[in-house]
Amino acid sequence: MVSPIDIQKALKGMDYPATKEQILEQAKGSDKEVLDALQKIDDREYEGPSGVSAAVFD
């Protein structure tokens, strides 16, 4: 099970706003579970890590 902390670690150093594509690129070295969770977020621009976490855990 992916936690919000896993998502934050995967996106450490990310510049925002960021698109889904940029987020996936940033997280590409992460666990498969993290990448699978991020694949499911809406294809839009995110203002910060809390927005990404909200999209993952919504």
C-alpha atoms as a PDB file:
ATOM      1  CA  MET A   1       0.000   0.000   0.000  1.00  0.00           C
ATOM      2  CA  VAL A   2       1.365   3.398  -1.009  1.00  0.00           C
ATOM      3  CA  SER A   3       1.415   6.121   1.636  1.00  0.00           C
ATOM      4  CA  PRO A   4       1.436   9.906   1.203  1.00  0.00           C
ATOM      5  CA  ILE A   5       5.025   9.820   2.492  1.00  0.00           C
ATOM      6  CA  ASP A   6       6.014   7.478  -0.361  1.00  0.00           C
ATOM      7  CA  ILE A   7       4.533   9.943  -2.842  1.00  0.00           C
ATOM      8  CA  GLN A   8       6.345  12.898  -1.231  1.00  0.00           C
ATOM      9  CA  LYS A   9       9.678  11.015  -1.290  1.00  0.00           C
ATOM     10  CA  ALA A  10       9.204  10.149  -4.969  1.00  0.00           C
ATOM     11  CA  LEU A  11       8.574  13.797  -5.808  1.00  0.00           C
ATOM     12  CA  LYS A  12      11.329  15.319  -3.659  1.00  0.00           C
ATOM     13  CA  GLY A  13      12.932  18.228  -5.490  1.00  0.00           C
ATOM     14  CA  MET A  14      10.056  18.537  -7.975  1.00  0.00           C
ATOM     15  CA  ASP A  15       9.417  22.021  -9.359  1.00  0.00           C
ATOM     16  CA  TYR A  16       5.771  23.098  -9.369  1.00  0.00           C
ATOM     17  CA  PRO A  17       3.466  23.706 -11.079  1.00  0.00           C
ATOM     18  CA  ALA A  18       3.994  20.345 -12.784  1.00  0.00           C
ATOM     19  CA  THR A  19       2.103  18.240 -15.287  1.00  0.00           C
ATOM     20  CA  LYS A  20       1.308  14.557 -14.826  1.00  0.00           C
ATOM     21  CA  GLU A  21       4.028  13.764 -17.386  1.00  0.00           C
ATOM     22  CA  GLN A  22       6.634  15.758 -15.405  1.00  0.00           C
ATOM     23  CA  ILE A  23       5.540  14.091 -12.164  1.00  0.00           C
ATOM     24  CA  LEU A  24       5.909  10.618 -13.678  1.00  0.00           C
ATOM     25  CA  GLU A  25       9.341  11.555 -15.051  1.00  0.00           C
ATOM     26  CA  GLN A  26      10.455  12.773 -11.595  1.00  0.00           C
ATOM     27  CA  ALA A  27       9.226   9.567  -9.946  1.00  0.00           C
ATOM     28  CA  LYS A  28      10.556   7.086 -12.508  1.00  0.00           C
ATOM     29  CA  GLY A  29      13.173   5.621 -10.132  1.00  0.00           C
ATOM     30  CA  SER A  30      10.547   4.904  -7.483  1.00  0.00           C
ATOM     31  CA  ASP A  31       8.807   1.693  -6.442  1.00  0.00           C
ATOM     32  CA  LYS A  32       6.345   0.187  -8.888  1.00  0.00           C
ATOM     33  CA  GLU A  33       3.503   0.788  -6.403  1.00  0.00           C
ATOM     34  CA  VAL A  34       4.296   4.524  -6.346  1.00  0.00           C
ATOM     35  CA  LEU A  35       4.475   4.704 -10.136  1.00  0.00           C
ATOM     36  CA  ASP A  36       1.205   2.768 -10.496  1.00  0.00           C
ATOM     37  CA  ALA A  37      -0.520   5.196  -8.098  1.00  0.00           C
ATOM     38  CA  LEU A  38       0.828   8.220  -9.987  1.00  0.00           C
ATOM     39  CA  GLN A  39      -0.257   6.754 -13.335  1.00  0.00           C
ATOM     40  CA  LYS A  40      -3.862   7.000 -12.122  1.00  0.00           C
ATOM     41  CA  ILE A  41      -3.897  10.740 -11.355  1.00  0.00           C
ATOM     42  CA  ASP A  42      -5.735  13.097 -13.698  1.00  0.00           C
ATOM     43  CA  ASP A  43      -3.760  14.479 -16.623  1.00  0.00           C
ATOM     44  CA  ARG A  44      -3.557  18.120 -15.534  1.00  0.00           C
ATOM     45  CA  GLU A  45      -1.214  20.606 -13.916  1.00  0.00           C
ATOM     46  CA  TYR A  46      -0.588  20.279 -10.168  1.00  0.00           C
ATOM     47  CA  GLU A  47       0.304  23.268  -7.994  1.00  0.00           C
ATOM     48  CA  GLY A  48       2.220  21.345  -5.338  1.00  0.00           C
ATOM     49  CA  PRO A  49       2.844  18.012  -3.627  1.00  0.00           C
ATOM     50  CA  SER A  50      -0.339  18.219  -1.564  1.00  0.00           C
ATOM     51  CA  GLY A  51      -2.374  18.424  -4.773  1.00  0.00           C
ATOM     52  CA  VAL A  52      -0.656  15.317  -6.123  1.00  0.00           C
ATOM     53  CA  SER A  53      -1.265  13.427  -2.873  1.00  0.00           C
ATOM     54  CA  ALA A  54      -4.924  14.509  -2.901  1.00  0.00           C
ATOM     55  CA  ALA A  55      -5.276  13.169  -6.460  1.00  0.00           C
ATOM     56  CA  VAL A  56      -3.659   9.842  -5.532  1.00  0.00           C
ATOM     57  CA  PHE A  57      -5.692   9.276  -2.366  1.00  0.00           C
ATOM     58  CA  ASP A  58      -9.004  10.772  -3.499  1.00  0.00           C
END
